[in-house]
Amino acid sequence: MRTLLFGCGLSLALLTVGAAWSADTKVAPKAVVAPKAVPPSHQREAAPKAAVSRQAVPPALTDAQLESAIRAKFAKSKINADKFQVRVQGGVATIEGRTDVIQHKGTATRMAKSAGAVSVNNHVQASDAAKEKAASNLATGRRRAQIKRGDARSSTAPPRQGRE
């Protein structure tokens, strides 16, 4: 009966083994010493326990409700002018249309997901003018936000002098 258990019950297992061994050998078990009490002035207050809510999870939006929520988000934003078509089936939103601003495609996806869509199929196409504008922006180099403090802002501007 000398089995050792590891984990939470290690002290209990050792106490049991000690009691069984002492019963076999006719030796009195040792007294168990309780931990010292800490004065109340040195004790830390217990953190408040979070209340576990047993409320039911609200049901997901129906496809019609989700579609109207996405359209409402589009109406409140700048991408409303693009007049995207939105369809929702099984919680999956499909967005179609054309835009003159490439960033509106990603914005439409984020808005649909934030409205509650499970996933988004984005079939928005950027116009040729938008693609040319993005290409010209890339050709000009880094944007102002991407320029480090010591770098010149353009090839014609002289570099800034540091403090001495």
Protein backbone atom coordinates (compact mmCIF):
# COMPACT_ATOMS: atom_id res chain seq x y z
CA MET A 1 0.00 0.00 0.00
CA ARG A 2 2.93 2.29 -0.52
CA THR A 3 1.76 4.02 -3.69
CA LEU A 4 2.68 7.61 -4.39
CA LEU A 5 0.39 9.97 -6.23
CA PHE A 6 1.72 13.07 -7.91
CA GLY A 7 -0.12 16.29 -8.52
CA CYS A 8 -2.74 17.85 -6.27
CA GLY A 9 -3.02 14.97 -3.86
CA LEU A 10 0.72 14.49 -3.20
CA SER A 11 0.55 15.56 0.44
CA LEU A 12 -2.58 13.45 0.99
CA ALA A 13 -0.90 10.44 -0.60
CA LEU A 14 2.20 10.86 1.55
CA LEU A 15 0.05 11.21 4.65
CA THR A 16 -1.85 8.04 3.67
CA VAL A 17 1.39 6.14 3.03
CA GLY A 18 2.80 7.36 6.34
CA ALA A 19 -0.35 6.29 8.21
CA ALA A 20 -0.35 2.87 6.54
CA TRP A 21 3.34 2.38 7.27
CA SER A 22 2.88 3.45 10.87
CA ALA A 23 -0.05 1.03 11.26
CA ASP A 24 2.18 -1.82 10.02
CA THR A 25 5.12 -0.93 12.25
CA LYS A 26 3.18 0.16 15.32
CA VAL A 27 4.71 3.65 15.33
CA ALA A 28 2.57 6.70 16.06
CA PRO A 29 2.16 9.09 13.08
CA LYS A 30 3.74 12.52 13.28
CA ALA A 31 1.53 15.50 13.95
CA VAL A 32 0.63 17.62 10.94
CA VAL A 33 1.69 21.26 11.41
CA ALA A 34 -0.73 23.91 10.14
CA PRO A 35 0.74 26.87 8.23
CA LYS A 36 1.38 30.02 10.23
CA ALA A 37 -1.42 32.54 10.23
CA VAL A 38 -0.61 35.82 8.52
CA PRO A 39 -1.72 38.96 10.37
CA PRO A 40 -4.67 40.69 8.65
CA SER A 41 -2.59 43.82 8.04
CA HIS A 42 -0.25 41.84 5.76
CA GLN A 43 -2.90 39.96 3.83
CA ARG A 44 -3.94 40.99 0.38
CA GLU A 45 -7.62 41.25 -0.44
CA ALA A 46 -8.95 38.64 -2.78
CA ALA A 47 -9.72 39.81 -6.27
CA PRO A 48 -13.43 40.13 -6.95
CA LYS A 49 -14.72 37.11 -8.80
CA ALA A 50 -16.23 37.73 -12.18
CA ALA A 51 -19.91 36.99 -12.35
CA VAL A 52 -20.55 34.09 -14.66
CA SER A 53 -23.44 34.99 -16.85
CA ARG A 54 -25.78 32.16 -17.61
CA GLN A 55 -27.66 34.19 -20.18
CA ALA A 56 -28.24 32.61 -23.53
CA VAL A 57 -26.16 33.82 -26.44
CA PRO A 58 -28.30 36.05 -28.63
CA PRO A 59 -29.18 34.39 -31.90
CA ALA A 60 -27.29 35.37 -35.01
CA LEU A 61 -28.89 37.85 -37.35
CA THR A 62 -31.05 36.52 -40.12
CA ASP A 63 -29.79 37.01 -43.66
CA ALA A 64 -32.24 39.86 -44.29
CA GLN A 65 -31.25 41.62 -41.05
CA LEU A 66 -27.55 41.18 -41.83
CA GLU A 67 -28.00 42.53 -45.35
CA SER A 68 -29.82 45.62 -44.07
CA ALA A 69 -27.13 46.15 -41.40
CA ILE A 70 -24.40 46.05 -44.05
CA ARG A 71 -26.32 48.46 -46.29
CA ALA A 72 -26.76 50.81 -43.31
CA LYS A 73 -23.00 50.76 -42.61
CA PHE A 74 -22.30 51.52 -46.27
CA ALA A 75 -24.84 54.39 -46.21
CA LYS A 76 -23.07 56.02 -43.25
CA SER A 77 -19.66 55.92 -44.94
CA LYS A 78 -17.95 57.40 -47.97
CA ILE A 79 -18.28 54.18 -49.95
CA ASN A 80 -22.03 54.76 -50.31
CA ALA A 81 -21.33 56.64 -53.55
CA ASP A 82 -20.01 53.43 -55.12
CA LYS A 83 -23.43 51.76 -54.87
CA PHE A 84 -22.23 48.25 -54.11
CA GLN A 85 -24.71 45.38 -54.43
CA VAL A 86 -24.93 43.23 -51.29
CA ARG A 87 -26.39 39.72 -50.99
CA VAL A 88 -26.34 37.51 -47.90
CA GLN A 89 -26.92 33.78 -47.88
CA GLY A 90 -26.25 31.62 -44.84
CA GLY A 91 -24.39 34.44 -43.09
CA VAL A 92 -21.96 34.82 -46.03
CA ALA A 93 -22.06 38.28 -47.58
CA THR A 94 -21.31 38.78 -51.27
CA ILE A 95 -20.39 42.30 -52.37
CA GLU A 96 -20.29 43.28 -56.04
CA GLY A 97 -19.70 46.51 -57.91
CA ARG A 98 -17.04 48.89 -59.17
CA THR A 99 -15.09 51.61 -57.40
CA ASP A 100 -12.73 54.43 -58.29
CA VAL A 101 -10.87 54.12 -54.96
CA ILE A 102 -8.96 50.89 -54.38
CA GLN A 103 -9.19 51.20 -50.58
CA HIS A 104 -12.99 51.00 -50.72
CA LYS A 105 -12.76 47.30 -51.57
CA GLY A 106 -11.04 46.44 -48.28
CA THR A 107 -13.25 48.85 -46.36
CA ALA A 108 -16.37 47.13 -47.70
CA THR A 109 -15.06 43.75 -46.47
CA ARG A 110 -14.28 45.09 -43.00
CA MET A 111 -17.68 46.76 -42.69
CA ALA A 112 -19.52 43.60 -43.71
CA LYS A 113 -17.59 41.53 -41.15
CA SER A 114 -18.18 44.09 -38.40
CA ALA A 115 -21.90 44.00 -39.19
CA GLY A 116 -21.91 40.29 -38.34
CA ALA A 117 -21.14 38.42 -41.56
CA VAL A 118 -19.52 35.03 -41.06
CA SER A 119 -17.38 35.55 -44.15
CA VAL A 120 -17.32 37.91 -47.12
CA ASN A 121 -16.94 37.22 -50.84
CA ASN A 122 -15.71 40.53 -52.21
CA HIS A 123 -16.22 40.80 -55.97
CA VAL A 124 -15.67 44.58 -56.10
CA GLN A 125 -13.58 45.62 -59.09
CA ALA A 126 -11.31 48.65 -59.10
CA SER A 127 -11.59 50.88 -62.15
CA ASP A 128 -8.67 51.42 -64.48
CA ALA A 129 -8.34 55.02 -63.25
CA ALA A 130 -7.98 53.76 -59.67
CA LYS A 131 -5.32 51.27 -60.70
CA GLU A 132 -3.38 53.98 -62.57
CA LYS A 133 -3.58 56.31 -59.57
CA ALA A 134 -2.27 53.59 -57.24
CA ALA A 135 0.55 52.77 -59.67
CA SER A 136 1.57 56.45 -59.89
CA ASN A 137 1.56 56.71 -56.09
CA LEU A 138 3.88 53.73 -55.89
CA ALA A 139 6.14 55.17 -58.58
CA THR A 140 6.64 58.43 -56.67
CA GLY A 141 8.16 56.55 -53.76
CA ARG A 142 7.52 56.59 -50.07
CA ARG A 143 4.68 58.54 -48.59
CA ARG A 144 5.21 61.26 -46.01
CA ALA A 145 4.24 58.94 -43.16
CA GLN A 146 6.88 56.46 -44.30
CA ILE A 147 9.77 58.94 -44.42
CA LYS A 148 12.23 58.85 -41.56
CA ARG A 149 13.15 62.06 -39.78
CA GLY A 150 16.60 62.50 -41.32
CA ASP A 151 15.54 61.63 -44.87
CA ALA A 152 14.75 64.23 -47.50
CA ARG A 153 11.06 64.47 -48.45
CA SER A 154 11.82 64.67 -52.17
CA SER A 155 14.87 64.58 -54.38
CA THR A 156 14.80 68.40 -54.84
CA ALA A 157 14.61 69.34 -51.15
CA PRO A 158 17.91 69.74 -49.29
CA PRO A 159 18.43 67.44 -46.28
CA ARG A 160 17.57 68.90 -42.88
CA GLN A 161 20.38 69.97 -40.61
CA GLY A 162 20.58 68.29 -37.23
CA ARG A 163 20.95 70.14 -33.96
CA GLU A 164 24.45 70.75 -32.70
